[in-house]
Protein backbone atom coordinates (compact mmCIF):
# COMPACT_ATOMS: atom_id res chain seq x y z
CA MET A 1 -4.07 12.49 11.44
CA LEU A 2 -5.11 8.86 11.17
CA VAL A 3 -7.23 7.34 13.91
CA GLY A 4 -4.99 5.40 16.29
CA ALA A 5 -1.82 7.19 15.22
CA ARG A 6 0.59 8.09 17.99
CA PRO A 7 0.31 11.63 19.35
CA VAL A 8 2.55 13.97 17.43
CA LEU A 9 3.93 15.47 20.64
CA ALA A 10 5.31 12.10 21.72
CA LYS A 11 7.46 11.93 18.62
CA THR A 12 8.27 15.52 17.78
CA ARG A 13 11.61 15.83 16.02
CA SER A 14 14.35 18.24 17.09
CA ASN A 15 17.41 18.64 14.85
CA GLY A 16 16.50 15.39 13.14
CA PHE A 17 16.29 13.36 16.34
CA VAL A 18 13.17 12.10 18.03
CA SER A 19 12.81 14.13 21.21
CA ALA A 20 11.77 11.10 23.24
CA THR A 21 15.22 9.55 22.71
CA LEU A 22 17.04 12.43 24.41
CA ILE A 23 17.63 12.46 28.16
CA ASN A 24 15.92 15.37 29.87
CA GLN A 25 17.60 17.72 32.32
CA SER A 26 16.30 15.84 35.34
CA GLU A 27 17.74 12.57 34.04
CA ARG A 28 21.07 14.23 33.25
CA ASP A 29 21.25 15.83 36.70
CA HIS A 30 20.44 12.52 38.38
CA LEU A 31 23.11 10.69 36.43
CA VAL A 32 25.74 13.37 37.06
CA LYS A 33 24.93 13.26 40.77
CA LEU A 34 25.32 9.47 40.87
CA LEU A 35 28.62 9.56 39.00
CA ILE A 36 30.06 12.24 41.28
CA GLU A 37 28.79 10.76 44.53
CA SER A 38 29.92 7.23 43.71
CA ARG A 39 33.37 8.52 42.70
CA ASP A 40 33.70 10.58 45.86
CA ASN A 41 32.54 7.66 48.00
CA VAL A 42 35.33 5.50 46.60
CA ILE A 43 37.89 8.20 47.38
CA THR A 44 36.55 8.84 50.88
CA SER A 45 36.37 5.13 51.70
CA THR A 46 39.99 4.56 50.70
CA ASP A 47 41.63 7.77 51.91
CA GLN A 48 44.49 7.38 54.37
CA LEU A 49 44.48 3.58 54.43
CA SER A 50 47.59 1.79 55.58
CA ALA A 51 49.21 -0.84 53.38
CA GLU A 52 47.80 -3.53 55.66
CA GLN A 53 44.29 -2.13 55.37
CA TRP A 54 44.57 -1.77 51.58
CA THR A 55 45.53 -5.43 51.15
CA PHE A 56 43.50 -7.04 53.96
CA ARG A 57 41.25 -9.94 52.94
CA GLN A 58 38.66 -11.61 55.13
CA ASN A 59 39.58 -14.93 53.52
CA LYS A 60 41.34 -16.19 50.42
CA GLU A 61 38.12 -15.99 48.38
CA SER A 62 37.31 -12.37 49.22
CA TRP A 63 38.57 -9.16 47.68
CA SER A 64 40.65 -6.58 49.47
CA ILE A 65 39.92 -2.87 49.28
CA GLY A 66 42.76 -2.60 46.80
CA ASP A 67 41.21 -5.34 44.67
CA ASN A 68 37.92 -3.44 44.54
CA VAL A 69 39.54 -0.18 43.45
CA GLU A 70 41.72 -1.93 40.89
CA HIS A 71 38.61 -3.65 39.50
CA LEU A 72 36.75 -0.34 39.22
CA GLY A 73 39.60 1.12 37.19
CA LEU A 74 39.57 -1.89 34.89
CA VAL A 75 35.83 -2.14 34.38
CA GLU A 76 34.88 1.51 33.85
CA PRO A 77 36.41 1.91 30.37
CA ILE A 78 34.80 -1.38 29.33
CA LEU A 79 31.37 -0.26 30.54
CA PHE A 80 31.83 3.14 28.93
CA GLY A 81 32.82 1.28 25.79
CA GLN A 82 29.31 -0.17 25.78
CA VAL A 83 27.99 3.39 25.69
CA THR A 84 30.11 4.27 22.68
CA SER A 85 29.36 0.94 20.98
CA ALA A 86 25.65 1.55 21.38
CA LEU A 87 25.93 5.03 19.92
CA VAL A 88 27.76 3.94 16.77
CA SER A 89 25.14 1.28 16.12
CA ASP A 90 21.91 1.96 14.28
CA VAL A 91 18.91 3.19 16.20
CA ASN A 92 17.07 0.26 17.75
CA PRO A 93 13.52 0.52 16.36
CA ASN A 94 12.24 -1.36 19.41
CA TRP A 95 14.23 0.64 21.97
CA GLU A 96 11.21 1.67 24.04
CA GLU A 97 9.94 -1.86 24.53
CA ALA A 98 13.40 -3.42 24.90
CA THR A 99 14.60 -1.00 27.59
CA ALA A 100 11.38 -0.25 29.49
CA GLY A 101 11.83 -0.36 33.27
CA LYS A 102 15.55 -1.06 33.10
CA GLU A 103 16.51 2.00 35.19
CA SER A 104 14.72 0.53 38.22
CA LEU A 105 16.01 -2.96 37.44
CA LEU A 106 19.62 -1.78 37.40
CA LYS A 107 19.30 -0.02 40.74
CA GLU A 108 17.59 -3.01 42.33
CA LYS A 109 19.98 -5.67 41.04
CA LEU A 110 23.27 -3.81 41.32
CA LEU A 111 22.68 -2.53 44.83
CA ASP A 112 21.44 -5.91 46.06
CA ARG A 113 24.51 -7.73 47.34
CA SER A 114 22.66 -10.75 48.67
CA THR A 115 23.67 -12.59 45.50
CA ARG A 116 27.33 -12.89 44.59
CA ARG A 117 28.28 -12.11 41.00
CA ASP A 118 31.61 -13.20 39.57
CA ALA A 119 33.47 -10.64 37.48
CA PRO A 120 34.68 -11.54 33.97
CA ASN A 121 38.34 -12.56 33.77
CA ALA A 122 39.23 -9.40 31.88
CA VAL A 123 38.41 -7.21 34.88
CA LEU A 124 39.61 -9.43 37.71
CA PRO A 125 42.16 -7.65 39.92
CA VAL A 126 45.67 -9.08 39.95
CA GLY A 127 46.64 -7.40 43.22
CA GLY A 128 49.79 -5.54 44.14
CA VAL A 129 48.61 -2.22 42.66
CA GLN A 130 49.61 0.80 44.72
CA PRO A 131 46.73 2.89 46.12
CA ALA A 132 47.74 6.15 44.43
CA TYR A 133 47.97 4.47 41.03
CA ALA A 134 44.72 2.50 41.37
CA LEU A 135 42.80 5.60 42.44
CA ARG A 136 44.32 7.71 39.68
CA VAL A 137 43.30 5.19 37.01
CA PHE A 138 39.77 5.02 38.42
CA LYS A 139 39.41 8.81 38.59
CA GLU A 140 40.78 9.33 35.07
CA HIS A 141 38.24 6.93 33.60
CA ARG A 142 35.44 8.44 35.69
CA ASP A 143 36.36 11.89 34.38
CA VAL A 144 35.70 10.61 30.86
CA SER A 145 32.29 9.19 31.80
CA LEU A 146 31.33 12.32 33.70
CA GLN A 147 32.44 14.77 31.01
CA PHE A 148 30.51 12.83 28.39
CA THR A 149 27.38 12.87 30.55
CA LEU A 150 27.65 16.61 31.11
CA GLU A 151 28.11 17.44 27.44
CA THR A 152 26.34 14.85 25.29
CA VAL A 153 23.42 15.83 23.10
CA LYS A 154 23.11 12.40 21.51
CA PRO A 155 19.86 10.40 21.53
CA LEU A 156 21.07 8.03 24.23
CA LYS A 157 17.80 6.17 24.68
CA ALA A 158 17.43 4.98 21.08
CA HIS A 159 20.84 3.31 20.83
CA THR A 160 21.30 0.00 22.62
CA ALA A 161 23.81 -2.71 23.41
CA ASP A 162 23.08 -6.06 25.01
CA HIS A 163 24.49 -7.00 28.41
CA ARG A 164 26.11 -10.42 28.70
CA ARG A 165 23.82 -11.26 31.64
CA PRO A 166 20.26 -12.09 30.51
CA VAL A 167 18.81 -10.48 33.63
CA TYR A 168 19.79 -7.08 32.22
CA GLY A 169 19.32 -7.84 28.54
CA THR A 170 19.16 -4.87 26.21
CA LEU A 171 20.28 -1.56 27.71
CA ASN A 172 20.34 1.84 26.06
CA ALA A 173 23.32 4.18 26.29
CA TYR A 174 21.74 6.14 29.15
CA GLN A 175 21.18 2.93 31.08
CA TRP A 176 24.78 1.85 30.52
CA LEU A 177 25.88 5.09 32.18
CA LEU A 178 23.57 4.34 35.09
CA PHE A 179 25.12 0.88 35.23
CA ILE A 180 28.54 2.48 35.72
CA ALA A 181 27.33 4.54 38.68
CA TYR A 182 25.36 1.77 40.40
CA HIS A 183 28.18 -0.73 39.87
CA THR A 184 30.54 1.68 41.63
CA LEU A 185 28.13 2.08 44.54
CA ARG A 186 27.96 -1.70 44.82
CA HIS A 187 31.72 -1.82 45.30
CA VAL A 188 31.65 1.06 47.76
CA GLU A 189 29.43 -1.13 49.93
CA GLN A 190 31.84 -4.02 49.43
CA ILE A 191 34.74 -1.80 50.53
CA GLU A 192 32.82 -0.74 53.62
CA ASP A 193 32.12 -4.40 54.43
CA VAL A 194 35.86 -5.06 54.40
CA THR A 195 36.48 -2.27 56.91
CA ARG A 196 33.88 -3.79 59.25
CA ALA A 197 35.22 -7.33 59.01
CA PRO A 198 36.71 -9.07 62.06
CA GLY A 199 40.47 -8.72 62.00
CA PHE A 200 40.56 -5.58 59.85
CA PRO A 201 43.78 -3.79 60.84
CA GLY A 202 43.53 -0.66 62.95
CA GLY A 203 44.55 2.72 61.63
């Protein structure tokens, strides 16, 4: 072995893939937990709402609970599409450097609601969607994300796709799945803010 060469153990190959690019069991368990908990939090936060509560807005600029759930159903397949797009692309030879520390960055930025972020036009809610339908769409898309996470054996960390916001930059497929979960938790907090707003209709 040449002096200065990387340790063999750090790059051992398994079934043709570099082991370092595979998520370990702890990472998989953490991601599954986040996907399940964030899904269940959406359901719990919106269960048994009246029509007035579902559509209540604090002001004309704010989103209702229904808007938030509709948005989640629209955005999840797009975010999961980033996972699949990353995986059909070539391995990023600089994946380690390009994605280092992004797990912590995603958690910090997505759960920090002190800064407002405008959603792209493609995933803006149009309103008027019935609760049962909006929740069904959201849950169906989440089932896809969750099933993939439970079953995948792909080298998620080596395949990347760039986020449109420079603050996130290059994310690997594992990090895009984390993005889905943290983005949902962000909207759970937004939903809870609506229920605490002055004038929110009683049950």
